[in-house]
Protein backbone atom coordinates (compact mmCIF):
# COMPACT_ATOMS: atom_id res chain seq x y z
CA MET A 1 16.71 -10.99 14.28
CA ASN A 2 19.44 -10.82 11.64
CA PRO A 3 18.24 -13.11 8.82
CA PHE A 4 21.77 -13.41 7.41
CA LEU A 5 22.80 -15.27 10.55
CA GLU A 6 20.01 -17.85 10.31
CA THR A 7 20.61 -21.33 8.91
CA ALA A 8 19.57 -21.26 5.27
CA GLY A 9 18.40 -24.12 3.08
CA LYS A 10 18.53 -24.19 -0.71
CA PRO A 11 15.80 -22.49 -2.79
CA ALA A 12 15.09 -25.76 -4.63
CA ASP A 13 14.16 -27.38 -1.31
CA TYR A 14 11.03 -25.21 -1.18
CA ILE A 15 9.47 -26.21 -4.51
CA ARG A 16 6.09 -27.78 -3.78
CA SER A 17 3.51 -29.75 -5.76
CA LEU A 18 0.40 -28.06 -7.11
CA LYS A 19 -1.61 -29.86 -4.45
CA ASP A 20 0.61 -28.53 -1.69
CA ILE A 21 0.42 -24.88 -2.74
CA TYR A 22 -3.40 -24.84 -2.86
CA PRO A 23 -4.33 -23.84 0.69
CA HIS A 24 -7.43 -24.12 2.84
CA PRO A 25 -9.01 -20.63 2.60
CA TYR A 26 -9.93 -18.56 5.63
CA ASP A 27 -13.57 -18.11 6.66
CA LYS A 28 -14.50 -14.59 5.61
CA ASN A 29 -17.08 -14.36 8.41
CA THR A 30 -14.70 -15.15 11.26
CA VAL A 31 -11.24 -14.13 10.04
CA ASP A 32 -9.52 -11.29 11.86
CA PRO A 33 -9.36 -8.21 9.58
CA TYR A 34 -5.63 -7.86 10.14
CA THR A 35 -4.99 -11.48 9.17
CA LYS A 36 -6.52 -10.58 5.80
CA THR A 37 -4.42 -7.43 5.49
CA ARG A 38 -1.26 -9.35 6.40
CA ILE A 39 -2.02 -11.80 3.59
CA ILE A 40 -2.44 -8.94 1.12
CA LEU A 41 0.76 -7.31 2.36
CA ALA A 42 2.81 -10.48 1.89
CA ALA A 43 1.31 -11.16 -1.54
CA GLY A 44 2.26 -7.62 -2.56
CA ALA A 45 5.85 -8.14 -1.42
CA GLU A 46 5.96 -11.33 -3.51
CA TYR A 47 4.55 -9.57 -6.55
CA GLU A 48 7.12 -6.78 -6.28
CA SER A 49 9.96 -9.28 -6.02
CA ASN A 50 8.62 -11.23 -8.99
CA TRP A 51 8.29 -8.08 -11.11
CA PHE A 52 11.80 -6.94 -10.16
CA SER A 53 13.23 -10.36 -10.97
CA HIS A 54 11.65 -10.45 -14.43
CA GLN A 55 12.86 -6.93 -15.23
CA THR A 56 16.39 -7.74 -14.02
CA MET A 57 16.51 -10.88 -16.13
CA ARG A 58 15.84 -8.76 -19.22
CA ARG A 59 18.85 -6.55 -18.49
CA ILE A 60 21.65 -8.94 -17.49
CA PRO A 61 22.90 -11.53 -20.02
CA ASP A 62 24.84 -13.85 -17.69
CA VAL A 63 23.13 -17.25 -18.09
CA ASP A 64 24.13 -18.64 -14.69
CA PHE A 65 22.74 -15.57 -12.97
CA ARG A 66 19.53 -15.83 -14.98
CA ARG A 67 19.11 -19.45 -13.94
CA ASP A 68 19.64 -18.65 -10.26
CA LEU A 69 17.16 -15.81 -10.58
CA SER A 70 14.63 -18.03 -12.34
CA LEU A 71 14.76 -20.69 -9.64
CA VAL A 72 14.13 -18.26 -6.81
CA ARG A 73 11.42 -16.51 -8.82
CA TYR A 74 9.57 -19.77 -9.40
CA VAL A 75 9.51 -20.60 -5.70
CA GLU A 76 8.29 -17.09 -4.90
CA LYS A 77 5.56 -17.37 -7.51
CA GLN A 78 4.36 -20.52 -5.76
CA GLN A 79 4.31 -18.61 -2.48
CA GLN A 80 2.37 -15.75 -4.05
CA GLN A 81 -0.22 -18.12 -5.49
CA ARG A 82 -0.61 -19.87 -2.15
CA LEU A 83 -1.30 -16.56 -0.46
CA SER A 84 -3.72 -15.39 -3.16
CA HIS A 85 -5.80 -18.55 -2.79
CA LEU A 86 -6.27 -18.05 0.92
CA LYS A 87 -9.13 -15.79 -0.18
CA PRO A 88 -12.33 -17.90 -0.17
CA VAL A 89 -14.50 -18.22 -3.26
CA ASP A 90 -17.45 -16.53 -1.53
CA GLU A 91 -15.53 -13.30 -0.88
CA THR A 92 -16.34 -10.77 -3.59
CA VAL A 93 -13.85 -8.48 -5.30
CA LEU A 94 -15.41 -5.50 -3.53
CA GLU A 95 -15.19 -7.15 -0.10
CA THR A 96 -11.50 -7.84 -0.77
CA THR A 97 -11.12 -4.23 -1.89
CA ILE A 98 -12.18 -3.06 1.56
CA SER A 99 -9.29 -5.06 3.01
CA TYR A 100 -6.89 -3.57 0.45
CA GLU A 101 -7.85 -0.07 1.59
CA GLN A 102 -7.75 -0.96 5.28
CA LEU A 103 -4.23 -2.24 4.70
CA ALA A 104 -3.30 0.97 2.88
CA VAL A 105 -4.59 3.10 5.75
CA ASP A 106 -3.17 1.21 8.71
CA LEU A 107 0.11 0.18 7.07
CA THR A 108 0.80 3.74 5.95
CA ALA A 109 -0.09 5.14 9.37
CA GLU A 110 2.14 2.58 11.11
CA MET A 111 5.06 3.38 8.83
CA ALA A 112 4.61 7.14 9.16
CA GLN A 113 4.70 6.99 12.94
CA ARG A 114 7.96 5.02 12.86
CA GLU A 115 9.67 6.92 10.06
CA LYS A 116 12.66 9.08 11.02
CA ASN A 117 13.14 10.66 7.60
CA PHE A 118 10.75 13.62 7.57
CA TYR A 119 10.64 13.75 3.77
CA VAL A 120 9.53 10.11 3.57
CA LYS A 121 7.08 10.64 6.43
CA LYS A 122 5.43 13.51 4.53
CA ALA A 123 4.91 11.25 1.54
CA LEU A 124 3.27 8.63 3.75
CA ASP A 125 1.04 11.15 5.52
CA PHE A 126 0.04 12.73 2.22
CA ALA A 127 -1.13 9.54 0.49
CA LEU A 128 -2.67 8.23 3.73
CA LEU A 129 -5.57 10.68 3.45
CA GLU A 130 -6.31 9.57 -0.10
CA ASP A 131 -6.40 5.86 0.67
CA PHE A 132 -8.54 6.70 3.68
CA ASP A 133 -11.02 8.43 1.37
CA HIS A 134 -10.99 5.48 -1.05
CA LEU A 135 -12.10 3.22 1.80
CA TYR A 136 -15.12 5.47 2.34
CA ARG A 137 -16.12 5.55 -1.36
CA TYR A 138 -15.82 1.77 -1.75
CA ALA A 139 -17.71 1.18 1.51
CA ASP A 140 -20.71 3.17 0.27
CA LEU A 141 -20.63 1.23 -3.00
CA LEU A 142 -20.52 -2.05 -1.06
CA ASP A 143 -23.59 -1.15 0.97
CA MET A 144 -25.48 0.06 -2.10
CA ASP A 145 -24.69 -2.95 -4.26
CA ASP A 146 -24.48 -5.80 -1.74
CA GLY A 147 -26.09 -4.54 1.48
CA ILE A 148 -22.90 -5.12 3.48
CA HIS A 149 -21.59 -2.66 6.05
CA ALA A 150 -17.83 -2.36 5.68
CA GLU A 151 -17.38 -1.59 9.38
CA ARG A 152 -17.89 -5.30 9.99
CA LEU A 153 -15.17 -6.17 7.48
CA VAL A 154 -12.65 -3.78 9.07
CA GLY A 155 -13.60 -4.91 12.57
CA ARG A 156 -14.39 -1.31 13.51
CA TYR A 157 -10.63 -0.80 13.85
CA THR A 158 -10.51 1.70 11.00
CA GLU A 159 -12.93 4.59 10.59
CA ILE A 160 -14.94 4.96 7.39
CA MET A 161 -15.57 8.60 6.52
CA PRO A 162 -14.40 11.17 3.96
CA GLY A 163 -10.71 11.95 3.77
CA ARG A 164 -9.21 14.28 1.22
CA PRO A 165 -11.99 13.88 -1.39
CA THR A 166 -11.15 11.67 -4.35
CA ALA A 167 -11.88 14.56 -6.71
CA ALA A 168 -8.79 16.25 -5.24
CA HIS A 169 -6.44 13.34 -5.90
CA HIS A 170 -5.78 13.98 -9.58
CA ARG A 171 -2.41 15.69 -10.01
CA HIS A 172 -0.15 16.33 -12.96
CA PRO A 173 2.35 13.44 -13.21
CA PHE A 174 5.25 15.86 -12.62
CA ASP A 175 3.90 16.54 -9.14
CA ASN A 176 3.99 12.89 -8.07
CA VAL A 177 7.73 12.49 -8.65
CA LYS A 178 9.79 13.04 -5.49
CA HIS A 179 13.53 12.90 -5.03
CA ASP A 180 15.09 9.59 -4.09
CA THR A 181 16.57 8.78 -0.73
CA ASP A 182 20.18 7.84 -0.05
CA GLY A 183 19.77 4.20 0.89
CA LYS A 184 23.39 3.74 1.86
CA ASN A 185 23.09 6.39 4.58
CA SER A 186 19.45 5.80 5.55
CA GLU A 187 17.99 3.92 8.46
CA THR A 188 17.13 0.32 7.56
CA MET A 189 13.50 1.09 8.41
CA THR A 190 13.43 3.95 5.89
CA VAL A 191 14.65 1.69 3.08
CA LEU A 192 12.15 -0.99 4.08
CA ASN A 193 9.33 1.55 4.26
CA THR A 194 9.95 2.87 0.76
CA MET A 195 10.19 -0.63 -0.72
CA ILE A 196 7.26 -2.20 1.14
CA ILE A 197 4.80 0.67 0.63
CA THR A 198 5.69 0.73 -3.08
CA ALA A 199 4.98 -2.99 -3.30
CA ALA A 200 1.66 -2.64 -1.47
CA GLU A 201 0.43 0.26 -3.61
CA GLN A 202 1.62 -1.40 -6.81
CA GLN A 203 -0.38 -4.53 -6.01
CA THR A 204 -3.44 -2.41 -5.24
CA MET A 205 -3.12 -0.57 -8.54
CA ASN A 206 -2.91 -3.84 -10.43
CA TYR A 207 -5.81 -5.38 -8.51
CA TYR A 208 -8.08 -2.47 -9.37
CA MET A 209 -6.92 -2.34 -12.98
CA ASN A 210 -7.49 -6.07 -13.49
CA ASN A 211 -10.88 -6.16 -11.80
CA ALA A 212 -12.45 -2.85 -12.86
CA ALA A 213 -13.91 -4.06 -16.14
CA ALA A 214 -15.34 -7.20 -14.50
CA TYR A 215 -17.44 -5.27 -11.98
CA LYS A 216 -21.18 -5.81 -12.28
CA ASN A 217 -22.31 -2.23 -12.99
CA ASP A 218 -21.03 0.96 -14.57
CA ARG A 219 -21.01 2.86 -11.29
CA GLY A 220 -18.52 0.43 -9.78
CA ARG A 221 -16.49 0.12 -12.98
CA LYS A 222 -16.04 3.89 -13.07
CA LEU A 223 -15.06 4.06 -9.40
CA TYR A 224 -12.40 1.37 -9.83
CA GLU A 225 -11.16 3.09 -12.98
CA GLU A 226 -10.76 6.42 -11.19
CA ILE A 227 -9.13 5.07 -8.04
CA CYS A 228 -6.79 2.89 -10.09
CA LEU A 229 -5.42 6.09 -11.65
CA VAL A 230 -4.88 7.53 -8.18
CA GLU A 231 -3.01 4.37 -7.18
CA GLU A 232 -0.80 4.94 -10.24
CA GLU A 233 0.03 8.33 -8.70
CA HIS A 234 0.80 6.71 -5.35
CA VAL A 235 3.09 4.11 -6.91
CA THR A 236 4.94 6.87 -8.76
CA GLN A 237 5.33 8.89 -5.56
CA TYR A 238 6.59 6.01 -3.46
CA GLU A 239 8.87 4.37 -6.01
CA SER A 240 10.51 7.72 -6.67
CA LEU A 241 11.68 7.70 -3.04
CA ILE A 242 13.64 4.46 -3.49
CA ASP A 243 17.42 4.76 -3.65
CA THR A 244 18.46 4.76 -7.32
CA SER A 245 22.18 4.19 -6.75
CA CYS A 246 21.97 0.44 -6.06
CA SER A 247 23.21 -2.05 -8.61
CA ALA A 248 20.93 -4.87 -9.76
CA TYR A 249 22.71 -7.27 -7.39
CA GLU A 250 22.36 -4.90 -4.44
CA CYS A 251 18.67 -4.39 -5.27
CA LEU A 252 18.17 -8.14 -5.34
CA LEU A 253 19.63 -8.39 -1.84
CA TRP A 254 17.36 -5.63 -0.57
CA HIS A 255 14.27 -7.22 -2.14
CA GLU A 256 14.92 -10.55 -0.47
CA TYR A 257 15.73 -8.84 2.83
CA ALA A 258 12.45 -6.88 2.64
CA GLU A 259 10.47 -10.07 1.99
CA CYS A 260 12.12 -11.74 4.97
CA TYR A 261 11.16 -8.75 7.09
CA VAL A 262 7.52 -8.86 5.94
CA TYR A 263 7.18 -12.57 6.70
CA TRP A 264 8.94 -12.20 10.03
CA SER A 265 6.65 -9.28 10.94
CA ASN A 266 3.60 -11.31 9.97
CA TYR A 267 4.82 -14.28 11.97
CA MET A 268 5.49 -12.15 15.04
CA THR A 269 2.06 -10.47 14.97
CA GLU A 270 -0.28 -13.17 13.60
CA THR A 271 -3.18 -14.36 15.75
CA ASP A 272 -4.41 -17.22 13.53
CA LYS A 273 -2.35 -20.33 14.35
CA ASN A 274 -2.89 -21.92 10.92
CA ILE A 275 -1.90 -18.80 9.01
CA LYS A 276 1.05 -18.35 11.36
CA LYS A 277 2.42 -21.68 10.13
CA ILE A 278 2.37 -20.31 6.59
CA TRP A 279 4.34 -17.25 7.68
CA GLU A 280 6.90 -19.48 9.39
CA TYR A 281 7.34 -21.64 6.30
CA CYS A 282 7.57 -18.65 3.94
CA LEU A 283 10.12 -16.98 6.19
CA GLU A 284 12.32 -20.07 6.03
CA ALA A 285 11.98 -20.09 2.23
CA GLU A 286 12.83 -16.39 2.02
CA ILE A 287 15.91 -16.85 4.17
CA SER A 288 17.10 -19.35 1.56
CA HIS A 289 16.43 -16.75 -1.15
CA LEU A 290 18.28 -14.11 0.83
CA ASP A 291 21.23 -16.44 1.19
CA ALA A 292 21.18 -17.02 -2.58
CA ALA A 293 21.15 -13.24 -3.16
CA ARG A 294 24.05 -12.84 -0.73
CA LYS A 295 26.09 -15.39 -2.69
CA ILE A 296 25.21 -13.72 -5.99
CA LEU A 297 26.39 -10.36 -4.63
CA GLN A 298 29.65 -11.93 -3.49
CA LYS A 299 30.18 -13.71 -6.81
CA TYR A 300 29.48 -10.82 -9.17
CA GLU A 301 30.49 -7.74 -7.15
CA HIS A 302 32.79 -9.24 -4.51
CA LYS A 303 30.80 -7.56 -1.73
CA ASP A 304 29.60 -8.83 1.62
CA TYR A 305 25.98 -8.25 2.54
CA ASN A 306 26.91 -5.78 5.31
CA GLU A 307 28.47 -3.47 2.74
CA VAL A 308 24.96 -3.00 1.35
CA ILE A 309 22.73 -3.51 4.39
CA ARG A 310 24.78 -2.03 7.19
CA GLN A 311 22.11 -2.44 9.86
CA ALA A 312 20.95 -5.99 9.13
CA GLU A 313 19.22 -6.62 12.45
CA PHE A 314 15.50 -6.31 11.78
CA PRO A 315 13.71 -3.27 13.19
CA ALA A 316 10.68 -3.99 15.35
CA PRO A 317 8.05 -5.93 13.36
CA LEU A 318 5.47 -4.07 11.32
CA SER A 319 2.27 -4.22 13.32
CA LEU A 320 -1.12 -3.70 11.70
CA HIS A 321 -3.50 -2.18 14.20
CA SER A 322 -6.01 0.61 14.70
CA ASN A 323 -4.69 4.13 14.02
CA ILE A 324 -7.84 6.20 14.41
CA ASP A 325 -6.34 9.09 16.38
CA TYR A 326 -3.30 9.39 14.10
CA VAL A 327 -5.38 9.45 10.91
CA ARG A 328 -7.63 12.11 12.43
CA SER A 329 -4.66 14.31 13.27
CA ILE A 330 -3.23 14.10 9.74
CA LEU A 331 -6.66 14.78 8.27
CA LYS A 332 -7.14 17.85 10.43
CA ASN A 333 -3.75 19.33 9.53
CA THR A 334 -3.14 18.48 5.86
CA VAL A 335 -6.44 17.94 4.04
CA GLN A 336 -5.81 20.99 1.79
CA TYR A 337 -2.38 19.87 0.58
CA THR A 338 -1.45 18.68 -2.88
CA GLY A 339 1.77 17.62 -4.56
CA ASN A 340 3.99 20.32 -6.06
CA LEU A 341 6.99 18.89 -7.90
CA ASP A 342 9.21 17.21 -5.29
CA ASP A 343 7.31 18.54 -2.26
CA TYR A 344 3.77 19.34 -1.06
CA GLU A 345 1.90 22.63 -0.85
CA ASP A 346 -1.22 23.99 0.80
CA ILE A 347 -3.60 24.93 -2.02
CA ASN A 348 -4.69 27.93 0.06
CA LYS A 349 -1.30 29.42 -0.79
CA MET A 350 -1.54 28.70 -4.51
CA SER A 351 -2.82 31.20 -7.05
CA GLY A 352 -5.13 28.87 -8.95
CA THR A 353 -3.12 28.85 -12.16
CA GLU A 354 -0.69 26.07 -11.25
CA ARG A 355 -0.53 22.66 -12.88
CA TYR A 356 -2.64 21.11 -10.12
CA PHE A 357 -5.77 23.14 -10.81
CA ASN A 358 -5.47 22.89 -14.58
CA PHE A 359 -4.81 19.17 -14.59
CA ASN A 360 -7.43 18.41 -11.94
CA ASN A 361 -10.10 20.31 -13.86
CA GLN A 362 -9.15 18.45 -17.02
CA LEU A 363 -9.92 15.12 -15.35
CA THR A 364 -12.85 15.96 -13.07
CA GLU A 365 -15.02 18.54 -14.84
CA PRO A 366 -17.95 18.41 -14.51
CA VAL A 367 -17.33 17.30 -10.94
CA LYS A 368 -20.89 15.93 -10.58
CA ASP A 369 -19.89 13.14 -13.01
CA GLU A 370 -16.66 12.26 -11.17
CA ALA A 371 -17.04 8.64 -10.05
CA GLY A 372 -15.97 9.05 -6.43
CA HIS A 373 -18.45 11.88 -6.04
CA SER A 374 -21.37 10.26 -7.88
CA VAL A 375 -21.13 7.10 -5.76
CA ILE A 376 -21.78 9.15 -2.64
CA THR A 377 -24.49 11.33 -4.19
CA ASP A 378 -26.26 8.18 -5.43
CA TYR A 379 -26.10 6.70 -1.94
CA ILE A 380 -27.48 9.88 -0.36
CA LYS A 381 -30.25 10.00 -2.94
CA ASP A 382 -31.28 6.43 -2.11
CA TYR A 383 -30.81 6.46 1.67
CA GLY A 384 -30.99 10.12 2.74
CA SER A 385 -27.44 10.25 4.14
CA ASP A 386 -24.11 8.61 3.37
CA TYR A 387 -22.74 5.45 4.95
CA ARG A 388 -19.86 5.95 7.33
CA PHE A 389 -18.41 4.59 10.56
CA GLU A 390 -17.14 7.29 12.91
CA THR A 391 -16.01 7.07 16.51
CA ASN A 392 -16.50 10.81 16.98
CA SER A 393 -17.50 13.85 14.96
CA HIS A 394 -15.48 14.43 11.81
CA PRO A 395 -12.35 16.56 12.46
CA ILE A 396 -13.12 18.69 9.38
CA LYS A 397 -16.43 20.51 9.82
CA GLU A 398 -16.89 20.87 6.06
CA LEU A 399 -16.79 17.06 5.69
CA SER A 400 -19.15 16.33 8.57
CA ASN A 401 -22.44 16.84 6.67
CA ARG A 402 -23.77 13.38 5.82
CA ASN A 403 -26.46 14.75 3.51
CA GLU A 404 -24.10 16.05 0.82
CA ASP A 405 -20.69 15.14 -0.56
CA ASN A 406 -18.28 18.06 -0.24
CA VAL A 407 -15.68 17.92 -3.00
CA ALA A 408 -14.60 21.55 -2.66
CA VAL A 409 -12.27 20.48 0.16
CA GLY A 410 -8.88 19.77 -1.37
CA THR A 411 -9.78 21.28 -4.74
CA THR A 412 -10.73 24.87 -3.85
CA PRO A 413 -8.52 27.33 -1.95
CA ASN A 414 -9.66 28.67 1.43
CA VAL A 415 -12.56 26.27 1.88
CA VAL A 416 -10.69 24.83 4.88
CA GLN A 417 -7.67 26.11 6.76
CA SER A 418 -4.86 23.54 7.06
CA GLY A 419 -1.96 23.31 9.44
CA ASP A 420 1.24 21.60 8.31
CA PHE A 421 3.02 18.25 8.30
CA GLN A 422 4.28 17.50 11.77
CA PRO A 423 7.32 15.27 12.33
CA ILE A 424 6.98 12.54 14.90
CA LYS A 425 8.98 13.02 18.08
CA HIS A 426 11.01 9.85 18.57
CA GLN A 427 12.11 8.74 22.00
């Protein structure tokens, strides 16, 4: 599908009443886990577009442009609110958090396996292991505090076990900044990947930041606080990959194109017929926004859309599905890696005096008090072993012991031997 060739309405046609944008929520006990993650994904794309629109409005003085931007932004805010209220009132913040982390794991794994730019793929594989570990830490908290096994929430599609331990995630900010990609000469999927994963991680960061202080106990508040800082690192890593050479008008076009792609992907893969209708409606609305962005680009820069998006036919839809084998392979090969300026390095090859060790120790010492670690040790103290859902033995022997939480992996050289990042062989 090329969304530029579709019949487009006017953005104003999609303004709805307050009654119309308040949806009937899903049933948290029967909803498919990937329907929930698709909702979170789309809401994140809307948030990113809204944030970009507000920032752009503060930089460009042209009043007509600002009014066009404001109209589209208002419609998109209505869409975002409609999606957010699909969550039922009886679903707790922590239950929703499990879905956020399942999305992070399976979206990142899906993107990594499709990515043709090895540098971007490494970034995806690297952060994948950290979001995978976050799922495990939150799942143990959920069982401790609410008696709910997260494997039910993720439909047993996504394993719940230690990844690169959270104690190893804290890096000096310099080491999260990567070099940007050349969007004008990149595959369309690469540009979409960098934009969509940034949007998803940014929404997760904000969700944790806004809900941390409202959690019902200090243990959970501290865990949200810590993981929110890791999500800040992830947002920095991913947004640094985005092409920086685009003008504001070109960026607007890409944002609307990316939203169209997300809604089209959701529509093509949705299993809930009622939610699928929402994706169809939102796609139509986004096509009108894309058409508005196309006209703005033509008006202010005298460019056609295909001068910016040269491959406008959508790639295959993003599909959220189980990625157990892929996650295990990345875990086995790269658990000892950390960021090092604009690349990644095996800590077994580092001397111990680099920024990573100094900065990590500054944040996590004493490690027994680190929130991600204490959640697991508390669980083991109460129940004798941690909570996890595994389909087979853990691929890292040092992380297989359920009676203690190993946080030396990823923080201490030569505890585990790693392989290397492996590019995917495309047909």
